[in-house]
Amino acid sequence: MTNWRAVVIGFLVELVLGLIGFAVPVLGHAAAGLLGGFVAGYLAGGGLGRGAWHGLLAGALGGILLGIVVLLGGTVIGGIAAGPVGLLGGLGLGVIAILVALLTAIPSAITGALGGAVA
């Protein structure tokens, strides 16, 4: 069973550290994802698999939310600006944004597994 409290806290850690990470653009954002995943895995506990699952969810949550915003905004704006072709373009852009968010959540899952093992 998913511990949503651990996922949300891990996501909030990533969000706060990501905002602070603008001072050190690449390193700050990478550290935010890694630490957020670790926190989610640690809070969830239960070993490698459980920690990895919670780290993955925490890492993907922000990206999926952003992808949904891009999906909705792209389809609406694309549909208004270019008709059906723009609508399909916005839809494709949103789907790609969600897939990239899931791929970038993999490091959070790895550190989540470490956090789950430590807990």
Protein backbone atom coordinates (compact mmCIF):
# COMPACT_ATOMS: atom_id res chain seq x y z
CA MET A 1 0.00 0.00 0.00
CA THR A 2 1.32 3.42 -0.91
CA ASN A 3 2.18 5.79 1.90
CA TRP A 4 0.97 9.04 0.33
CA ARG A 5 2.26 11.07 3.24
CA ALA A 6 5.81 9.93 2.42
CA VAL A 7 5.26 10.67 -1.29
CA VAL A 8 3.91 14.17 -0.68
CA ILE A 9 6.69 15.03 1.79
CA GLY A 10 9.30 13.75 -0.69
CA PHE A 11 7.67 15.81 -3.43
CA LEU A 12 7.66 18.92 -1.24
CA VAL A 13 11.36 18.38 -0.45
CA GLU A 14 12.03 18.20 -4.19
CA LEU A 15 9.93 21.30 -4.82
CA VAL A 16 11.60 23.43 -2.15
CA LEU A 17 15.13 22.27 -3.01
CA GLY A 18 14.34 22.69 -6.71
CA LEU A 19 13.35 26.30 -6.13
CA ILE A 20 16.52 26.87 -4.12
CA GLY A 21 18.40 24.97 -6.85
CA PHE A 22 18.03 27.88 -9.25
CA ALA A 23 21.11 29.33 -7.52
CA VAL A 24 23.17 26.33 -8.75
CA PRO A 25 21.18 25.29 -11.84
CA VAL A 26 22.29 21.76 -12.72
CA LEU A 27 23.63 20.52 -9.39
CA GLY A 28 20.79 22.03 -7.37
CA HIS A 29 18.04 20.37 -9.39
CA ALA A 30 19.79 17.01 -9.46
CA ALA A 31 20.28 17.12 -5.70
CA ALA A 32 16.63 18.05 -5.22
CA GLY A 33 15.42 14.95 -7.05
CA LEU A 34 17.86 12.68 -5.28
CA LEU A 35 17.12 13.99 -1.79
CA GLY A 36 13.36 14.06 -2.34
CA GLY A 37 13.41 10.43 -3.44
CA PHE A 38 15.56 9.46 -0.46
CA VAL A 39 13.20 11.23 1.96
CA ALA A 40 10.15 9.52 0.46
CA GLY A 41 11.83 6.11 0.61
CA TYR A 42 13.07 6.66 4.14
CA LEU A 43 9.65 7.76 5.41
CA ALA A 44 7.93 4.84 3.70
CA GLY A 45 10.51 2.32 4.96
CA GLY A 46 9.99 -1.36 4.27
CA GLY A 47 13.07 -2.18 2.20
CA LEU A 48 14.42 -1.57 -1.29
CA GLY A 49 11.26 -2.18 -3.32
CA ARG A 50 8.94 -0.11 -1.16
CA GLY A 51 11.48 2.72 -0.94
CA ALA A 52 12.01 2.68 -4.71
CA TRP A 53 8.26 2.84 -5.35
CA HIS A 54 7.78 5.81 -3.06
CA GLY A 55 10.87 7.58 -4.43
CA LEU A 56 9.58 7.05 -7.97
CA LEU A 57 6.18 8.47 -7.10
CA ALA A 58 7.70 11.49 -5.35
CA GLY A 59 10.02 12.15 -8.29
CA ALA A 60 7.34 11.73 -10.91
CA LEU A 61 4.58 13.66 -9.15
CA GLY A 62 5.85 17.14 -10.00
CA GLY A 63 6.72 16.18 -13.56
CA ILE A 64 3.34 14.59 -14.15
CA LEU A 65 1.55 17.66 -12.78
CA LEU A 66 3.63 19.88 -15.06
CA GLY A 67 2.95 17.52 -17.97
CA ILE A 68 -0.80 17.73 -17.38
CA VAL A 69 -0.61 21.53 -17.40
CA VAL A 70 1.37 21.40 -20.67
CA LEU A 71 -1.09 18.88 -22.07
CA LEU A 72 -4.15 20.98 -21.28
CA GLY A 73 -2.55 24.30 -22.18
CA GLY A 74 -0.98 22.98 -25.38
CA THR A 75 -4.17 21.42 -26.66
CA VAL A 76 -6.29 24.47 -25.88
CA ILE A 77 -3.83 27.01 -27.27
CA GLY A 78 -2.90 24.79 -30.20
CA GLY A 79 -6.55 24.15 -31.00
CA ILE A 80 -7.34 27.86 -30.93
CA ALA A 81 -4.26 28.90 -32.91
CA ALA A 82 -4.09 26.19 -35.57
CA GLY A 83 -7.27 24.16 -35.38
CA PRO A 84 -7.18 20.35 -35.34
CA VAL A 85 -3.50 20.16 -36.29
CA GLY A 86 -2.53 22.42 -33.37
CA LEU A 87 -4.76 20.39 -31.08
CA LEU A 88 -2.92 17.19 -32.02
CA GLY A 89 0.45 18.96 -31.67
CA GLY A 90 -0.42 20.13 -28.16
CA LEU A 91 -1.63 16.67 -27.26
CA GLY A 92 1.63 15.11 -28.49
CA LEU A 93 3.69 17.68 -26.58
CA GLY A 94 1.83 16.92 -23.37
CA VAL A 95 2.29 13.17 -23.74
CA ILE A 96 6.02 13.64 -24.37
CA ALA A 97 6.28 15.90 -21.29
CA ILE A 98 4.67 13.22 -19.12
CA LEU A 99 6.97 10.50 -20.48
CA VAL A 100 10.06 12.65 -19.84
CA ALA A 101 8.81 13.26 -16.29
CA LEU A 102 8.61 9.52 -15.68
CA LEU A 103 12.11 8.98 -17.05
CA THR A 104 13.59 11.72 -14.90
CA ALA A 105 12.01 10.10 -11.83
CA ILE A 106 14.32 7.06 -12.12
CA PRO A 107 17.14 8.63 -10.02
CA SER A 108 14.56 9.44 -7.33
CA ALA A 109 13.53 5.79 -7.34
CA ILE A 110 17.12 4.67 -6.89
CA THR A 111 17.70 6.97 -3.92
CA GLY A 112 14.25 6.02 -2.61
CA ALA A 113 15.42 2.40 -2.56
CA LEU A 114 18.46 3.48 -0.54
CA GLY A 115 16.22 5.40 1.85
CA GLY A 116 13.94 2.42 2.26
CA ALA A 117 16.90 0.17 2.99
CA VAL A 118 18.29 2.59 5.59
CA ALA A 119 14.95 2.94 7.39
